[in-house]
N, C-alpha and C. Protein backbone atom coordinates (compact mmCIF):
# COMPACT_ATOMS: atom_id res chain seq x y z
N UNK A 1 0.84 -1.17 0.00
CA UNK A 1 0.00 0.00 0.00
C UNK A 1 0.89 1.23 0.00
N UNK A 2 0.56 2.17 -0.85
CA UNK A 2 1.33 3.42 -0.93
C UNK A 2 0.85 4.38 0.15
N UNK A 3 1.79 4.93 0.87
CA UNK A 3 1.46 5.88 1.93
C UNK A 3 1.79 7.28 1.47
N UNK A 4 0.98 8.25 1.90
CA UNK A 4 1.31 9.64 1.65
C UNK A 4 2.53 9.99 2.49
N UNK A 5 3.14 11.12 2.18
CA UNK A 5 4.31 11.55 2.95
C UNK A 5 3.94 11.75 4.42
N UNK A 6 2.76 12.34 4.67
CA UNK A 6 2.30 12.58 6.03
C UNK A 6 2.08 11.26 6.77
N UNK A 7 1.39 10.32 6.12
CA UNK A 7 1.13 9.02 6.74
C UNK A 7 2.43 8.27 6.99
N UNK A 8 3.36 8.37 6.06
CA UNK A 8 4.66 7.73 6.23
C UNK A 8 5.39 8.32 7.44
N UNK A 9 5.28 9.63 7.63
CA UNK A 9 5.91 10.28 8.79
C UNK A 9 5.28 9.82 10.09
N UNK A 10 3.97 9.65 10.09
CA UNK A 10 3.26 9.18 11.29
C UNK A 10 3.74 7.77 11.64
N UNK A 11 3.80 6.90 10.64
CA UNK A 11 4.25 5.52 10.85
C UNK A 11 5.70 5.52 11.36
N UNK A 12 6.53 6.34 10.76
CA UNK A 12 7.93 6.44 11.18
C UNK A 12 8.04 6.89 12.63
N UNK A 13 7.22 7.87 13.02
CA UNK A 13 7.22 8.34 14.41
C UNK A 13 6.81 7.23 15.37
N UNK A 14 5.82 6.44 14.97
CA UNK A 14 5.39 5.34 15.83
C UNK A 14 6.47 4.26 15.94
N UNK A 15 7.17 4.02 14.86
CA UNK A 15 8.29 3.07 14.90
C UNK A 15 9.35 3.57 15.87
N UNK A 16 9.68 4.86 15.78
CA UNK A 16 10.70 5.44 16.65
C UNK A 16 10.30 5.35 18.12
N UNK A 17 9.07 5.71 18.44
CA UNK A 17 8.69 5.72 19.85
C UNK A 17 8.56 4.29 20.40
N UNK A 18 8.20 3.34 19.54
CA UNK A 18 8.19 1.95 19.99
C UNK A 18 9.61 1.47 20.27
N UNK A 19 10.57 1.88 19.42
CA UNK A 19 11.97 1.53 19.68
C UNK A 19 12.46 2.18 20.97
N UNK A 20 12.03 3.42 21.22
CA UNK A 20 12.37 4.10 22.47
C UNK A 20 11.82 3.33 23.66
N UNK A 21 10.60 2.86 23.51
CA UNK A 21 9.95 2.12 24.59
C UNK A 21 10.72 0.84 24.89
N UNK A 22 11.14 0.11 23.85
CA UNK A 22 11.94 -1.10 24.05
C UNK A 22 13.21 -0.75 24.82
N UNK A 23 13.92 0.27 24.37
CA UNK A 23 15.18 0.66 25.02
C UNK A 23 14.94 1.11 26.45
N UNK A 24 13.87 1.86 26.69
CA UNK A 24 13.55 2.31 28.04
C UNK A 24 13.26 1.14 28.97
N UNK A 25 12.46 0.20 28.51
CA UNK A 25 12.15 -0.96 29.35
C UNK A 25 13.39 -1.83 29.56
N UNK A 26 14.22 -1.98 28.54
CA UNK A 26 15.44 -2.76 28.71
C UNK A 26 16.37 -2.12 29.74
N UNK A 27 16.45 -0.79 29.73
CA UNK A 27 17.26 -0.07 30.72
C UNK A 27 16.68 -0.29 32.11
N UNK A 28 15.37 -0.18 32.24
CA UNK A 28 14.73 -0.38 33.54
C UNK A 28 14.95 -1.81 34.03
N UNK A 29 14.81 -2.78 33.13
CA UNK A 29 15.01 -4.19 33.50
C UNK A 29 16.42 -4.41 34.04
N UNK A 30 17.40 -3.80 33.41
CA UNK A 30 18.79 -3.96 33.84
C UNK A 30 19.02 -3.35 35.22
N UNK A 31 18.26 -2.31 35.57
CA UNK A 31 18.47 -1.61 36.83
C UNK A 31 17.59 -2.10 37.98
N UNK A 32 16.60 -2.92 37.69
CA UNK A 32 15.66 -3.38 38.72
C UNK A 32 16.32 -4.47 39.56
N UNK A 33 16.15 -4.33 40.88
CA UNK A 33 16.70 -5.36 41.77
C UNK A 33 15.71 -6.52 41.92
N UNK A 34 16.15 -7.58 42.59
CA UNK A 34 15.36 -8.81 42.66
C UNK A 34 14.05 -8.66 43.41
N UNK A 35 13.93 -7.70 44.29
CA UNK A 35 12.67 -7.54 45.01
C UNK A 35 11.53 -7.10 44.10
N UNK A 36 11.86 -6.59 42.94
CA UNK A 36 10.86 -6.16 41.95
C UNK A 36 10.88 -7.05 40.71
N UNK A 37 11.14 -8.33 40.92
CA UNK A 37 11.26 -9.27 39.80
C UNK A 37 9.98 -9.29 38.95
N UNK A 38 8.83 -9.06 39.56
CA UNK A 38 7.58 -9.04 38.81
C UNK A 38 7.59 -7.93 37.76
N UNK A 39 8.24 -6.80 38.09
CA UNK A 39 8.33 -5.70 37.13
C UNK A 39 9.21 -6.08 35.96
N UNK A 40 10.28 -6.84 36.21
CA UNK A 40 11.14 -7.28 35.12
C UNK A 40 10.32 -8.07 34.10
N UNK A 41 9.51 -8.99 34.59
CA UNK A 41 8.70 -9.81 33.68
C UNK A 41 7.69 -8.95 32.91
N UNK A 42 7.06 -8.03 33.61
CA UNK A 42 6.09 -7.15 32.97
C UNK A 42 6.76 -6.27 31.91
N UNK A 43 7.91 -5.69 32.25
CA UNK A 43 8.61 -4.82 31.32
C UNK A 43 9.13 -5.61 30.11
N UNK A 44 9.54 -6.86 30.33
CA UNK A 44 9.95 -7.70 29.20
C UNK A 44 8.77 -7.93 28.25
N UNK A 45 7.59 -8.16 28.82
CA UNK A 45 6.39 -8.36 28.01
C UNK A 45 6.08 -7.11 27.17
N UNK A 46 6.21 -5.93 27.80
CA UNK A 46 5.90 -4.69 27.09
C UNK A 46 6.96 -4.35 26.05
N UNK A 47 8.21 -4.70 26.31
CA UNK A 47 9.26 -4.50 25.31
C UNK A 47 8.98 -5.39 24.09
N UNK A 48 8.55 -6.62 24.35
CA UNK A 48 8.22 -7.54 23.26
C UNK A 48 7.01 -7.02 22.48
N UNK A 49 6.05 -6.44 23.19
CA UNK A 49 4.88 -5.84 22.53
C UNK A 49 5.33 -4.77 21.54
N UNK A 50 6.26 -3.93 21.94
CA UNK A 50 6.74 -2.87 21.05
C UNK A 50 7.56 -3.42 19.89
N UNK A 51 8.32 -4.48 20.12
CA UNK A 51 9.05 -5.10 19.00
C UNK A 51 8.06 -5.59 17.94
N UNK A 52 6.98 -6.21 18.39
CA UNK A 52 5.95 -6.68 17.47
C UNK A 52 5.29 -5.50 16.76
N UNK A 53 5.03 -4.43 17.49
CA UNK A 53 4.46 -3.23 16.88
C UNK A 53 5.35 -2.70 15.76
N UNK A 54 6.66 -2.67 16.02
CA UNK A 54 7.60 -2.17 15.01
C UNK A 54 7.56 -3.04 13.76
N UNK A 55 7.49 -4.34 13.93
CA UNK A 55 7.41 -5.24 12.77
C UNK A 55 6.16 -4.96 11.95
N UNK A 56 5.03 -4.81 12.63
CA UNK A 56 3.76 -4.54 11.93
C UNK A 56 3.80 -3.19 11.22
N UNK A 57 4.32 -2.18 11.91
CA UNK A 57 4.38 -0.84 11.33
C UNK A 57 5.35 -0.79 10.15
N UNK A 58 6.44 -1.50 10.26
CA UNK A 58 7.41 -1.54 9.16
C UNK A 58 6.81 -2.21 7.94
N UNK A 59 5.98 -3.23 8.16
CA UNK A 59 5.32 -3.90 7.04
C UNK A 59 4.34 -2.95 6.36
N UNK A 60 3.64 -2.14 7.13
CA UNK A 60 2.71 -1.16 6.56
C UNK A 60 3.47 -0.17 5.69
N UNK A 61 4.56 0.33 6.24
CA UNK A 61 5.31 1.38 5.57
C UNK A 61 6.14 0.85 4.41
N UNK A 62 6.37 -0.46 4.40
CA UNK A 62 7.29 -0.99 3.41
C UNK A 62 8.62 -0.30 3.59
N UNK A 63 8.94 -0.07 4.87
CA UNK A 63 10.05 0.81 5.23
C UNK A 63 11.41 0.19 4.98
N UNK A 64 12.36 1.09 4.88
CA UNK A 64 13.75 0.67 4.79
C UNK A 64 14.14 0.08 6.13
N UNK A 65 15.04 -0.89 6.15
CA UNK A 65 15.43 -1.55 7.40
C UNK A 65 15.91 -0.58 8.49
N UNK A 66 16.48 0.56 8.10
CA UNK A 66 17.01 1.47 9.12
C UNK A 66 15.92 2.01 10.03
N UNK A 67 14.68 2.08 9.55
CA UNK A 67 13.59 2.60 10.38
C UNK A 67 13.36 1.74 11.61
N UNK A 68 13.63 0.45 11.51
CA UNK A 68 13.39 -0.42 12.64
C UNK A 68 14.33 -0.14 13.80
N UNK A 69 15.40 0.58 13.57
CA UNK A 69 16.34 0.90 14.64
C UNK A 69 16.28 2.35 15.08
N UNK A 70 15.50 3.18 14.39
CA UNK A 70 15.42 4.60 14.72
C UNK A 70 14.83 4.82 16.10
N UNK A 71 15.39 5.81 16.81
CA UNK A 71 14.86 6.22 18.09
C UNK A 71 14.72 7.73 18.07
N UNK A 72 13.70 8.24 18.73
CA UNK A 72 13.43 9.66 18.69
C UNK A 72 14.29 10.42 19.69
N UNK A 73 14.42 11.72 19.47
CA UNK A 73 15.17 12.58 20.39
C UNK A 73 14.50 12.59 21.75
N UNK A 74 13.17 12.71 21.80
CA UNK A 74 12.49 12.74 23.09
C UNK A 74 12.70 11.43 23.84
N UNK A 75 12.74 10.32 23.12
CA UNK A 75 12.99 9.04 23.75
C UNK A 75 14.38 8.97 24.33
N UNK A 76 15.36 9.51 23.63
CA UNK A 76 16.72 9.55 24.14
C UNK A 76 16.77 10.37 25.43
N UNK A 77 16.06 11.48 25.45
CA UNK A 77 16.00 12.28 26.67
C UNK A 77 15.32 11.51 27.79
N UNK A 78 14.29 10.76 27.47
CA UNK A 78 13.59 9.95 28.46
C UNK A 78 14.55 8.93 29.07
N UNK A 79 15.33 8.24 28.23
CA UNK A 79 16.28 7.26 28.75
C UNK A 79 17.35 7.94 29.59
N UNK A 80 17.79 9.12 29.19
CA UNK A 80 18.78 9.85 29.99
C UNK A 80 18.20 10.20 31.35
N UNK A 81 16.93 10.56 31.41
CA UNK A 81 16.28 10.87 32.68
C UNK A 81 16.26 9.64 33.58
N UNK A 82 16.01 8.47 33.01
CA UNK A 82 16.05 7.23 33.80
C UNK A 82 17.44 7.05 34.39
N UNK A 83 18.48 7.30 33.59
CA UNK A 83 19.85 7.16 34.07
C UNK A 83 20.12 8.11 35.24
N UNK A 84 19.71 9.36 35.11
CA UNK A 84 19.93 10.36 36.16
C UNK A 84 19.19 9.95 37.42
N UNK A 85 17.96 9.52 37.28
CA UNK A 85 17.17 9.12 38.43
C UNK A 85 17.83 7.96 39.17
N UNK A 86 18.39 7.02 38.44
CA UNK A 86 19.06 5.88 39.05
C UNK A 86 20.26 6.34 39.88
N UNK A 87 20.98 7.35 39.40
CA UNK A 87 22.12 7.87 40.14
C UNK A 87 21.72 8.49 41.48
N UNK A 88 20.51 9.06 41.54
CA UNK A 88 20.07 9.73 42.75
C UNK A 88 19.12 8.89 43.58
N UNK A 89 19.15 7.60 43.41
CA UNK A 89 18.38 6.71 44.28
C UNK A 89 16.92 6.56 43.90
N UNK A 90 16.55 6.88 42.70
CA UNK A 90 15.16 6.72 42.29
C UNK A 90 14.86 5.31 41.86
N UNK A 91 15.32 4.33 42.63
CA UNK A 91 15.14 2.95 42.20
C UNK A 91 14.12 2.20 43.05
N UNK A 92 13.36 2.92 43.90
CA UNK A 92 12.31 2.24 44.63
C UNK A 92 11.16 1.95 43.67
N UNK A 93 10.29 1.04 44.06
CA UNK A 93 9.22 0.57 43.19
C UNK A 93 8.35 1.72 42.65
N UNK A 94 7.94 2.63 43.53
CA UNK A 94 7.08 3.73 43.10
C UNK A 94 7.80 4.61 42.07
N UNK A 95 9.08 4.87 42.26
CA UNK A 95 9.84 5.70 41.32
C UNK A 95 9.99 5.01 39.97
N UNK A 96 10.28 3.72 39.99
CA UNK A 96 10.41 2.96 38.74
C UNK A 96 9.09 3.02 37.97
N UNK A 97 8.01 2.78 38.68
CA UNK A 97 6.69 2.77 38.02
C UNK A 97 6.26 4.16 37.57
N UNK A 98 6.61 5.19 38.33
CA UNK A 98 6.28 6.55 37.92
C UNK A 98 7.00 6.91 36.63
N UNK A 99 8.26 6.53 36.54
CA UNK A 99 9.03 6.81 35.33
C UNK A 99 8.51 5.99 34.15
N UNK A 100 8.16 4.74 34.41
CA UNK A 100 7.59 3.91 33.35
C UNK A 100 6.27 4.50 32.87
N UNK A 101 5.48 5.02 33.79
CA UNK A 101 4.21 5.62 33.40
C UNK A 101 4.43 6.86 32.54
N UNK A 102 5.45 7.64 32.85
CA UNK A 102 5.77 8.81 32.01
C UNK A 102 6.07 8.38 30.58
N UNK A 103 6.83 7.32 30.45
CA UNK A 103 7.12 6.79 29.12
C UNK A 103 5.87 6.29 28.43
N UNK A 104 5.00 5.64 29.18
CA UNK A 104 3.74 5.14 28.61
C UNK A 104 2.83 6.29 28.22
N UNK A 105 2.86 7.38 28.99
CA UNK A 105 2.07 8.57 28.62
C UNK A 105 2.50 9.08 27.25
N UNK A 106 3.81 9.08 27.00
CA UNK A 106 4.35 9.59 25.73
C UNK A 106 3.92 8.71 24.56
N UNK A 107 4.01 7.40 24.70
CA UNK A 107 3.65 6.53 23.57
C UNK A 107 2.14 6.53 23.38
N UNK A 108 1.40 6.62 24.48
CA UNK A 108 -0.07 6.68 24.38
C UNK A 108 -0.48 7.93 23.59
N UNK A 109 0.16 9.05 23.88
CA UNK A 109 -0.14 10.30 23.16
C UNK A 109 0.23 10.18 21.68
N UNK A 110 1.36 9.54 21.39
CA UNK A 110 1.78 9.38 20.00
C UNK A 110 0.74 8.57 19.21
N UNK A 111 0.21 7.55 19.84
CA UNK A 111 -0.83 6.76 19.16
C UNK A 111 -2.12 7.56 18.99
N UNK A 112 -2.49 8.34 19.99
CA UNK A 112 -3.69 9.18 19.87
C UNK A 112 -3.51 10.18 18.73
N UNK A 113 -2.33 10.80 18.68
CA UNK A 113 -2.05 11.76 17.60
C UNK A 113 -2.12 11.07 16.23
N UNK A 114 -1.57 9.87 16.15
CA UNK A 114 -1.58 9.14 14.88
C UNK A 114 -3.01 8.84 14.44
N UNK A 115 -3.85 8.45 15.38
CA UNK A 115 -5.23 8.12 15.03
C UNK A 115 -6.04 9.36 14.68
N UNK A 116 -5.62 10.51 15.17
CA UNK A 116 -6.29 11.77 14.83
C UNK A 116 -5.78 12.35 13.52
N UNK A 117 -4.71 11.77 12.98
CA UNK A 117 -4.13 12.25 11.73
C UNK A 117 -4.75 11.54 10.54
N UNK A 118 -4.10 11.67 9.42
CA UNK A 118 -4.63 11.06 8.19
C UNK A 118 -3.75 9.89 7.78
N UNK A 119 -4.21 8.70 8.12
CA UNK A 119 -3.54 7.48 7.68
C UNK A 119 -4.58 6.62 6.97
N UNK A 120 -4.14 5.81 6.02
CA UNK A 120 -5.08 4.95 5.30
C UNK A 120 -5.85 4.03 6.25
N UNK A 121 -7.04 3.65 5.85
CA UNK A 121 -7.92 2.85 6.70
C UNK A 121 -7.24 1.59 7.23
N UNK A 122 -6.55 0.85 6.38
CA UNK A 122 -5.88 -0.38 6.82
C UNK A 122 -4.83 -0.08 7.89
N UNK A 123 -4.09 1.00 7.70
CA UNK A 123 -3.09 1.40 8.70
C UNK A 123 -3.77 1.80 10.00
N UNK A 124 -4.86 2.53 9.89
CA UNK A 124 -5.58 2.99 11.08
C UNK A 124 -6.08 1.81 11.91
N UNK A 125 -6.50 0.75 11.26
CA UNK A 125 -6.98 -0.43 11.99
C UNK A 125 -5.85 -1.06 12.80
N UNK A 126 -4.68 -1.17 12.20
CA UNK A 126 -3.53 -1.75 12.90
C UNK A 126 -3.08 -0.81 14.03
N UNK A 127 -3.03 0.47 13.75
CA UNK A 127 -2.63 1.46 14.76
C UNK A 127 -3.63 1.44 15.92
N UNK A 128 -4.90 1.37 15.62
CA UNK A 128 -5.94 1.33 16.67
C UNK A 128 -5.77 0.08 17.54
N UNK A 129 -5.50 -1.04 16.92
CA UNK A 129 -5.28 -2.29 17.66
C UNK A 129 -4.06 -2.18 18.57
N UNK A 130 -2.97 -1.62 18.02
CA UNK A 130 -1.76 -1.42 18.83
C UNK A 130 -2.03 -0.45 19.97
N UNK A 131 -2.79 0.60 19.70
CA UNK A 131 -3.11 1.61 20.72
C UNK A 131 -3.86 0.97 21.89
N UNK A 132 -4.73 0.02 21.60
CA UNK A 132 -5.45 -0.66 22.67
C UNK A 132 -4.48 -1.39 23.60
N UNK A 133 -3.49 -2.05 23.02
CA UNK A 133 -2.47 -2.73 23.83
C UNK A 133 -1.63 -1.75 24.63
N UNK A 134 -1.28 -0.63 24.01
CA UNK A 134 -0.50 0.42 24.69
C UNK A 134 -1.31 0.99 25.85
N UNK A 135 -2.60 1.26 25.61
CA UNK A 135 -3.45 1.82 26.66
C UNK A 135 -3.60 0.85 27.83
N UNK A 136 -3.73 -0.44 27.53
CA UNK A 136 -3.84 -1.44 28.59
C UNK A 136 -2.55 -1.51 29.40
N UNK A 137 -1.40 -1.43 28.73
CA UNK A 137 -0.11 -1.43 29.43
C UNK A 137 0.00 -0.20 30.33
N UNK A 138 -0.38 0.96 29.80
CA UNK A 138 -0.35 2.19 30.59
C UNK A 138 -1.20 2.05 31.84
N UNK A 139 -2.41 1.54 31.68
CA UNK A 139 -3.32 1.42 32.81
C UNK A 139 -2.79 0.45 33.86
N UNK A 140 -2.15 -0.64 33.42
CA UNK A 140 -1.56 -1.62 34.35
C UNK A 140 -0.42 -0.97 35.13
N UNK A 141 0.45 -0.25 34.44
CA UNK A 141 1.58 0.40 35.11
C UNK A 141 1.07 1.46 36.09
N UNK A 142 0.07 2.22 35.69
CA UNK A 142 -0.51 3.25 36.56
C UNK A 142 -1.11 2.62 37.81
N UNK A 143 -1.82 1.52 37.66
CA UNK A 143 -2.42 0.83 38.80
C UNK A 143 -1.34 0.31 39.75
N UNK A 144 -0.27 -0.25 39.19
CA UNK A 144 0.84 -0.73 40.02
C UNK A 144 1.52 0.43 40.74
N UNK A 145 1.67 1.56 40.03
CA UNK A 145 2.27 2.74 40.64
C UNK A 145 1.42 3.25 41.79
N UNK A 146 0.11 3.33 41.57
CA UNK A 146 -0.80 3.79 42.62
C UNK A 146 -0.73 2.87 43.84
N UNK A 147 -0.66 1.55 43.60
CA UNK A 147 -0.56 0.59 44.69
C UNK A 147 0.77 0.74 45.44
N UNK A 148 1.85 1.03 44.71
CA UNK A 148 3.17 1.19 45.34
C UNK A 148 3.24 2.43 46.20
N UNK A 149 2.47 3.46 45.82
CA UNK A 149 2.47 4.71 46.59
C UNK A 149 1.61 4.61 47.84
N UNK A 150 0.69 3.64 47.85
CA UNK A 150 -0.25 3.52 48.98
C UNK A 150 0.43 2.99 50.22
C-alpha cells in the first residue's frame, strides 16, 4: 500500500517511539533489583509488545530496514532521565513505576495523535489495535504505581 508523505511520517514516528519504549524498558530491567522481579517480567512483556508493533508498522510502511532501529530525540531524553534518576536513588518501586508511566504517557499520546491524523484505513486499523495494547499497558503500570504509593 502506498502511503502519503504525512502518513509515512506518522508511521515512522510510531516506529521510533516503539523503539524508544523497548530501550527504556530494557534499561529499567537492567536496573531493577530482585525484590521487583515481577516488574522485570512485565517490562519484558511490554518490550516484546513494542518489538511486534515495530514489525507490523514496518510492514505497513514498506520501510527501509534502518527505520526499525530509529529512536526519537524525546525518547533519548527519556532514557537519559532514567539514568539520572538511578544515580540519585530513584530505584524504589514507586519511582520505577512513575518513570515507566511517564514513558507510557508519551507513547499513548503518539498513538492518539496518529489516530487523529490522516492514515489509510488499513493502517488505522492496525494502529488502533496497537493503541489498545499500549493503553492497557499504561493502565496496568498506573495501577501498580498507585498501589506502590499507597
